[in-house]
Amino acid sequence: MSPITGKALVAGVVGAPVRHSLSPVLHNAWIEAARLDAVYAPFAPPPERFAAFVDGLRGGAIAGLNVTLPFKEQALALADEASSPAAKAAAANVLVFRADGTVFADNTDGAGLLAAFAAQAPGFDPAAGPVVILGAGGAARGAAAAFADAGAPEVRIVNRTLSRAQAITEALGSRVGALGLDRAATAFDGAGAIVNATSAGLADGQVLDFPLEAAPKACVVMDMVYKPLRTPFLARAEALGLATVDGLEMLIRQAVPSFEAFFGQAPPAEVDVRALALAAIGAQA
């Protein structure tokens, strides 16, 4: 392990809870391979103290933070400047602390999403047909914005509460439409991709009862959840012969531009961080 000195660059991930985050596994493996004088640590301030926590880091005490639930929307509000992806997603998963005391917010989730598709479904073209997003939270909005920017001719938001889906359409423009759960089969018709951006379908008995059989055989199905890696939703898609993309690949791909923002260089490509993450998931199970 490379020595850590008093000159070390410090970055980390903040959330509540954050103890199961895989981000330290990814970033510290890259730090070690690049032989950087740096460290990436988890932070879990009480939710009511998040604003004070961020303000206390102004001036570059640390290089930056990845931000996870429940702080993404608040992180954007606390920043002095935001990237276009963060503004469109109405959330930030990256905060960069500048030496002048200002905070820059970014959102790399959309880039990670598209990169995950490119890696695991290389034949997928976001501009070739409609994309369906299940859910209407921050993750769904970020995904919708990413696909719209990538040229998707139509993005269909499917959500139990229609008004929440409609709020996304109002923010992102005419190519983004909203449908209720009762119209899921209609939404899936002709879809090039379907993305689960909800936390439903985990190993707690919840079932995503969506009519995947209504999707075209060429449709690619993704679940943002990565634990379990093969969610029941992805298992259903595979049983129907549909190509799939998993949430772990998105996590890894969004971490790449985060690392570059914090440490000023691309992470070493030779590190198999996916294998390390899968080992960590197994250890946490």
Protein backbone atom coordinates (compact mmCIF):
# COMPACT_ATOMS: atom_id res chain seq x y z
CA MET A 1 0.00 0.00 0.00
CA SER A 2 1.29 3.44 -0.91
CA PRO A 3 2.13 5.65 2.10
CA ILE A 4 -0.32 8.37 3.11
CA THR A 5 1.39 11.60 4.09
CA GLY A 6 0.31 14.98 5.39
CA LYS A 7 -0.01 16.12 1.77
CA ALA A 8 -2.56 13.45 0.91
CA LEU A 9 -5.60 14.30 -1.18
CA VAL A 10 -8.79 13.27 0.60
CA ALA A 11 -12.13 12.47 -1.00
CA GLY A 12 -15.04 10.32 0.05
CA VAL A 13 -18.67 9.35 -0.10
CA VAL A 14 -21.41 10.80 2.09
CA GLY A 15 -24.77 9.21 2.82
CA ALA A 16 -27.06 8.01 5.57
CA PRO A 17 -26.45 5.14 5.89
CA VAL A 18 -23.20 4.72 4.00
CA ARG A 19 -21.62 1.64 5.61
CA HIS A 20 -22.52 -0.67 2.70
CA SER A 21 -21.28 1.70 -0.02
CA LEU A 22 -18.96 0.11 -2.56
CA SER A 23 -17.44 3.46 -3.54
CA PRO A 24 -14.49 3.17 -1.09
CA VAL A 25 -13.69 -0.26 -2.57
CA LEU A 26 -13.56 1.15 -6.10
CA HIS A 27 -11.73 4.40 -5.43
CA ASN A 28 -9.15 3.06 -3.00
CA ALA A 29 -8.26 0.24 -5.41
CA TRP A 30 -7.66 2.85 -8.12
CA ILE A 31 -5.68 5.04 -5.70
CA GLU A 32 -3.44 2.11 -4.77
CA ALA A 33 -2.84 1.11 -8.41
CA ALA A 34 -2.02 4.71 -9.38
CA ARG A 35 0.27 5.02 -6.34
CA LEU A 36 -1.38 8.27 -5.32
CA ASP A 37 -0.84 9.98 -2.00
CA ALA A 38 -4.57 9.96 -1.36
CA VAL A 39 -7.40 8.29 0.50
CA TYR A 40 -11.15 7.88 -0.08
CA ALA A 41 -13.29 7.59 3.03
CA PRO A 42 -16.98 7.16 3.98
CA PHE A 43 -18.82 9.90 5.86
CA ALA A 44 -22.20 9.54 7.57
CA PRO A 45 -23.29 12.82 9.18
CA PRO A 46 -26.73 12.97 10.80
CA PRO A 47 -29.19 14.04 8.09
CA GLU A 48 -30.05 17.24 9.94
CA ARG A 49 -26.34 18.17 9.97
CA PHE A 50 -25.60 17.62 6.29
CA ALA A 51 -25.61 21.32 5.37
CA ALA A 52 -23.22 22.14 8.22
CA PHE A 53 -21.01 19.22 7.17
CA VAL A 54 -20.72 20.51 3.61
CA ASP A 55 -20.14 24.10 4.68
CA GLY A 56 -17.35 22.97 6.98
CA LEU A 57 -15.47 21.51 4.02
CA ARG A 58 -15.47 24.69 1.96
CA GLY A 59 -12.02 25.89 1.01
CA GLY A 60 -10.64 22.55 -0.11
CA ALA A 61 -10.18 20.69 3.18
CA ILE A 62 -10.99 17.68 1.04
CA ALA A 63 -11.03 17.38 -2.74
CA GLY A 64 -14.61 16.29 -3.06
CA LEU A 65 -17.44 13.95 -2.22
CA ASN A 66 -19.64 11.46 -3.90
CA VAL A 67 -23.16 11.94 -2.59
CA THR A 68 -25.71 9.18 -2.12
CA LEU A 69 -29.13 8.90 -0.50
CA PRO A 70 -30.70 10.87 1.07
CA PHE A 71 -28.54 13.89 0.26
CA LYS A 72 -28.45 14.25 -3.54
CA GLU A 73 -31.09 16.96 -3.88
CA GLN A 74 -29.77 18.89 -0.88
CA ALA A 75 -26.22 18.67 -2.24
CA LEU A 76 -27.29 20.45 -5.40
CA ALA A 77 -29.03 23.18 -3.39
CA LEU A 78 -25.90 23.80 -1.31
CA ALA A 79 -23.58 24.21 -4.32
CA ASP A 80 -22.53 27.56 -5.75
CA GLU A 81 -22.34 26.24 -9.30
CA ALA A 82 -23.76 23.16 -11.02
CA SER A 83 -23.17 21.29 -14.23
CA SER A 84 -25.93 20.87 -16.79
CA PRO A 85 -26.42 17.16 -15.91
CA ALA A 86 -26.86 18.04 -12.23
CA ALA A 87 -29.33 20.80 -13.02
CA LYS A 88 -31.37 18.57 -15.32
CA ALA A 89 -31.39 15.72 -12.79
CA ALA A 90 -32.24 18.16 -9.96
CA ALA A 91 -29.67 16.26 -7.91
CA ALA A 92 -25.90 15.99 -7.45
CA ASN A 93 -23.87 12.88 -6.79
CA VAL A 94 -20.55 14.77 -6.90
CA LEU A 95 -19.43 17.83 -4.94
CA VAL A 96 -16.03 19.38 -5.68
CA PHE A 97 -14.59 21.74 -3.07
CA ARG A 98 -12.58 24.55 -4.62
CA ALA A 99 -9.77 26.44 -2.93
CA ASP A 100 -11.71 29.71 -3.13
CA GLY A 101 -14.44 28.29 -0.88
CA THR A 102 -16.99 27.60 -3.59
CA VAL A 103 -18.62 24.23 -4.20
CA PHE A 104 -19.26 22.76 -7.65
CA ALA A 105 -22.00 20.15 -8.11
CA ASP A 106 -22.08 17.53 -10.83
CA ASN A 107 -24.09 14.43 -11.62
CA THR A 108 -22.26 11.50 -13.20
CA ASP A 109 -25.13 9.02 -12.84
CA GLY A 110 -26.42 9.70 -16.35
CA ALA A 111 -23.00 9.21 -17.90
CA GLY A 112 -22.57 6.04 -15.85
CA LEU A 113 -25.95 4.75 -17.03
CA LEU A 114 -25.11 5.23 -20.71
CA ALA A 115 -21.63 3.78 -20.27
CA ALA A 116 -23.11 0.70 -18.59
CA PHE A 117 -25.38 0.16 -21.60
CA ALA A 118 -22.41 0.59 -23.94
CA ALA A 119 -20.42 -2.00 -21.97
CA GLN A 120 -23.07 -4.68 -21.45
CA ALA A 121 -25.40 -4.06 -24.41
CA PRO A 122 -23.03 -2.72 -27.07
CA GLY A 123 -25.63 -2.99 -29.84
CA PHE A 124 -28.01 -0.62 -28.07
CA ASP A 125 -28.58 2.78 -29.66
CA PRO A 126 -30.47 5.25 -27.44
CA ALA A 127 -31.56 7.18 -30.55
CA ALA A 128 -33.16 4.13 -32.18
CA GLY A 129 -36.43 4.10 -30.25
CA PRO A 130 -38.40 4.99 -27.12
CA VAL A 131 -36.93 4.42 -23.67
CA VAL A 132 -39.05 3.57 -20.63
CA ILE A 133 -38.11 4.61 -17.09
CA LEU A 134 -39.89 2.95 -14.15
CA GLY A 135 -40.19 5.33 -11.20
CA ALA A 136 -40.27 9.08 -10.78
CA GLY A 137 -37.65 9.87 -8.15
CA GLY A 138 -34.29 11.54 -8.59
CA ALA A 139 -32.72 8.48 -10.23
CA ALA A 140 -35.55 8.33 -12.75
CA ARG A 141 -35.24 12.02 -13.60
CA GLY A 142 -31.49 11.71 -14.08
CA ALA A 143 -31.94 8.69 -16.34
CA ALA A 144 -34.62 10.44 -18.37
CA ALA A 145 -32.39 13.48 -18.86
CA ALA A 146 -29.43 11.30 -19.90
CA PHE A 147 -31.43 9.38 -22.51
CA ALA A 148 -33.02 12.55 -23.85
CA ASP A 149 -29.59 14.16 -24.23
CA ALA A 150 -28.34 10.98 -25.94
CA GLY A 151 -30.97 11.37 -28.64
CA ALA A 152 -33.82 9.12 -27.51
CA PRO A 153 -36.83 10.14 -29.63
CA GLU A 154 -39.16 9.55 -26.68
CA VAL A 155 -38.73 8.87 -22.97
CA ARG A 156 -41.72 7.37 -21.17
CA ILE A 157 -41.91 7.73 -17.38
CA VAL A 158 -44.10 5.06 -15.76
CA ASN A 159 -45.03 5.62 -12.13
CA ARG A 160 -47.71 4.69 -9.63
CA THR A 161 -48.34 8.37 -8.83
CA LEU A 162 -48.91 9.97 -12.21
CA SER A 163 -48.42 13.52 -10.96
CA ARG A 164 -44.82 12.76 -9.96
CA ALA A 165 -44.08 11.43 -13.44
CA GLN A 166 -45.74 14.48 -14.97
CA ALA A 167 -43.47 16.75 -12.92
CA ILE A 168 -40.48 15.21 -14.71
CA THR A 169 -42.05 15.76 -18.12
CA GLU A 170 -42.66 19.42 -17.29
CA ALA A 171 -39.02 19.85 -16.33
CA LEU A 172 -37.43 17.98 -19.23
CA GLY A 173 -39.54 18.86 -22.25
CA SER A 174 -41.83 17.47 -24.90
CA ARG A 175 -39.89 14.27 -25.67
CA VAL A 176 -40.53 13.02 -22.12
CA GLY A 177 -44.02 11.65 -21.40
CA ALA A 178 -45.78 10.30 -18.30
CA LEU A 179 -47.95 7.20 -17.89
CA GLY A 180 -49.57 5.47 -14.93
CA LEU A 181 -48.88 1.87 -13.96
CA ASP A 182 -52.09 0.76 -15.64
CA ARG A 183 -50.56 1.76 -18.99
CA ALA A 184 -47.23 -0.04 -18.56
CA ALA A 185 -47.94 -2.43 -21.44
CA THR A 186 -48.58 0.56 -23.70
CA ALA A 187 -45.32 2.14 -22.54
CA PHE A 188 -43.36 -1.03 -23.28
CA ASP A 189 -44.68 -1.30 -26.83
CA GLY A 190 -41.81 -0.57 -29.22
CA ALA A 191 -39.37 0.27 -26.41
CA GLY A 192 -35.66 0.04 -27.07
CA ALA A 193 -34.84 -0.02 -23.35
CA ILE A 194 -36.62 -0.35 -20.02
CA VAL A 195 -34.87 0.89 -16.86
CA ASN A 196 -35.99 0.17 -13.31
CA ALA A 197 -35.13 3.32 -11.35
CA THR A 198 -37.03 2.27 -8.23
CA SER A 199 -35.88 0.27 -5.20
CA ALA A 200 -38.72 -2.24 -5.64
CA GLY A 201 -37.94 -5.82 -6.51
CA LEU A 202 -35.27 -6.39 -3.88
CA ALA A 203 -34.96 -9.46 -1.74
CA ASP A 204 -37.67 -8.28 0.69
CA GLY A 205 -40.62 -9.90 -1.02
CA GLN A 206 -41.47 -6.97 -3.29
CA VAL A 207 -42.27 -7.88 -6.88
CA LEU A 208 -42.10 -5.65 -9.91
CA ASP A 209 -45.22 -6.88 -11.63
CA PHE A 210 -44.67 -5.25 -15.01
CA PRO A 211 -45.73 -6.84 -18.32
CA LEU A 212 -42.25 -7.34 -19.74
CA GLU A 213 -43.72 -9.72 -22.29
CA ALA A 214 -45.12 -6.62 -24.03
CA ALA A 215 -41.57 -5.42 -24.78
CA PRO A 216 -39.94 -6.13 -28.16
CA LYS A 217 -37.43 -8.98 -28.28
CA ALA A 218 -34.69 -6.45 -29.06
CA CYS A 219 -35.42 -4.44 -25.92
CA VAL A 220 -32.64 -4.06 -23.32
CA VAL A 221 -33.70 -4.20 -19.65
CA MET A 222 -31.74 -2.58 -16.83
CA ASP A 223 -32.13 -2.52 -13.06
CA MET A 224 -30.26 0.20 -11.16
CA VAL A 225 -30.26 -2.03 -8.07
CA TYR A 226 -26.96 -3.93 -7.73
CA LYS A 227 -27.55 -5.97 -4.61
CA PRO A 228 -28.60 -8.59 -5.49
CA LEU A 229 -26.74 -8.33 -8.78
CA ARG A 230 -29.32 -10.44 -10.61
CA THR A 231 -32.56 -8.95 -9.33
CA PRO A 232 -35.91 -10.68 -9.84
CA PHE A 233 -36.69 -8.01 -12.44
CA LEU A 234 -33.57 -8.89 -14.46
CA ALA A 235 -34.24 -12.60 -14.00
CA ARG A 236 -37.70 -12.15 -15.56
CA ALA A 237 -36.20 -10.24 -18.46
CA GLU A 238 -33.59 -12.94 -19.06
CA ALA A 239 -36.28 -15.64 -18.97
CA LEU A 240 -38.01 -13.78 -21.79
CA GLY A 241 -34.80 -13.70 -23.80
CA LEU A 242 -34.17 -9.98 -23.32
CA ALA A 243 -30.69 -8.51 -23.01
CA THR A 244 -29.92 -7.03 -19.57
CA VAL A 245 -27.67 -4.44 -17.92
CA ASP A 246 -26.98 -4.56 -14.18
CA GLY A 247 -26.75 -1.77 -11.63
CA LEU A 248 -23.19 -2.62 -10.59
CA GLU A 249 -21.90 -1.66 -14.02
CA MET A 250 -23.63 1.72 -13.68
CA LEU A 251 -22.06 2.24 -10.24
CA ILE A 252 -18.60 1.51 -11.61
CA ARG A 253 -19.02 3.68 -14.70
CA GLN A 254 -20.29 6.71 -12.76
CA ALA A 255 -17.30 6.40 -10.44
CA VAL A 256 -14.81 6.97 -13.27
CA PRO A 257 -15.56 10.69 -13.87
CA SER A 258 -15.88 11.14 -10.10
CA PHE A 259 -12.32 9.86 -9.62
CA GLU A 260 -11.11 12.19 -12.36
CA ALA A 261 -12.80 15.17 -10.68
CA PHE A 262 -11.25 14.40 -7.29
CA PHE A 263 -7.75 13.26 -8.22
CA GLY A 264 -7.09 14.91 -11.57
CA GLN A 265 -6.48 11.78 -13.60
CA ALA A 266 -8.31 8.80 -15.04
CA PRO A 267 -8.38 5.67 -12.87
CA PRO A 268 -5.97 2.89 -13.89
CA ALA A 269 -7.75 0.74 -16.47
CA GLU A 270 -5.92 -2.44 -15.44
CA VAL A 271 -7.73 -2.70 -12.09
CA ASP A 272 -10.64 -5.15 -12.19
CA VAL A 273 -12.86 -3.15 -9.85
CA ARG A 274 -15.92 -5.16 -10.87
CA ALA A 275 -14.33 -8.31 -9.41
CA LEU A 276 -13.45 -6.42 -6.24
CA ALA A 277 -17.00 -5.06 -5.98
CA LEU A 278 -18.52 -8.50 -6.48
CA ALA A 279 -16.27 -9.88 -3.74
CA ALA A 280 -17.36 -7.05 -1.44
CA ILE A 281 -21.04 -7.70 -2.22
CA GLY A 282 -20.50 -11.34 -1.31
CA ALA A 283 -18.79 -10.39 1.93
CA GLN A 284 -21.69 -8.08 2.85
CA ALA A 285 -24.39 -10.62 2.02
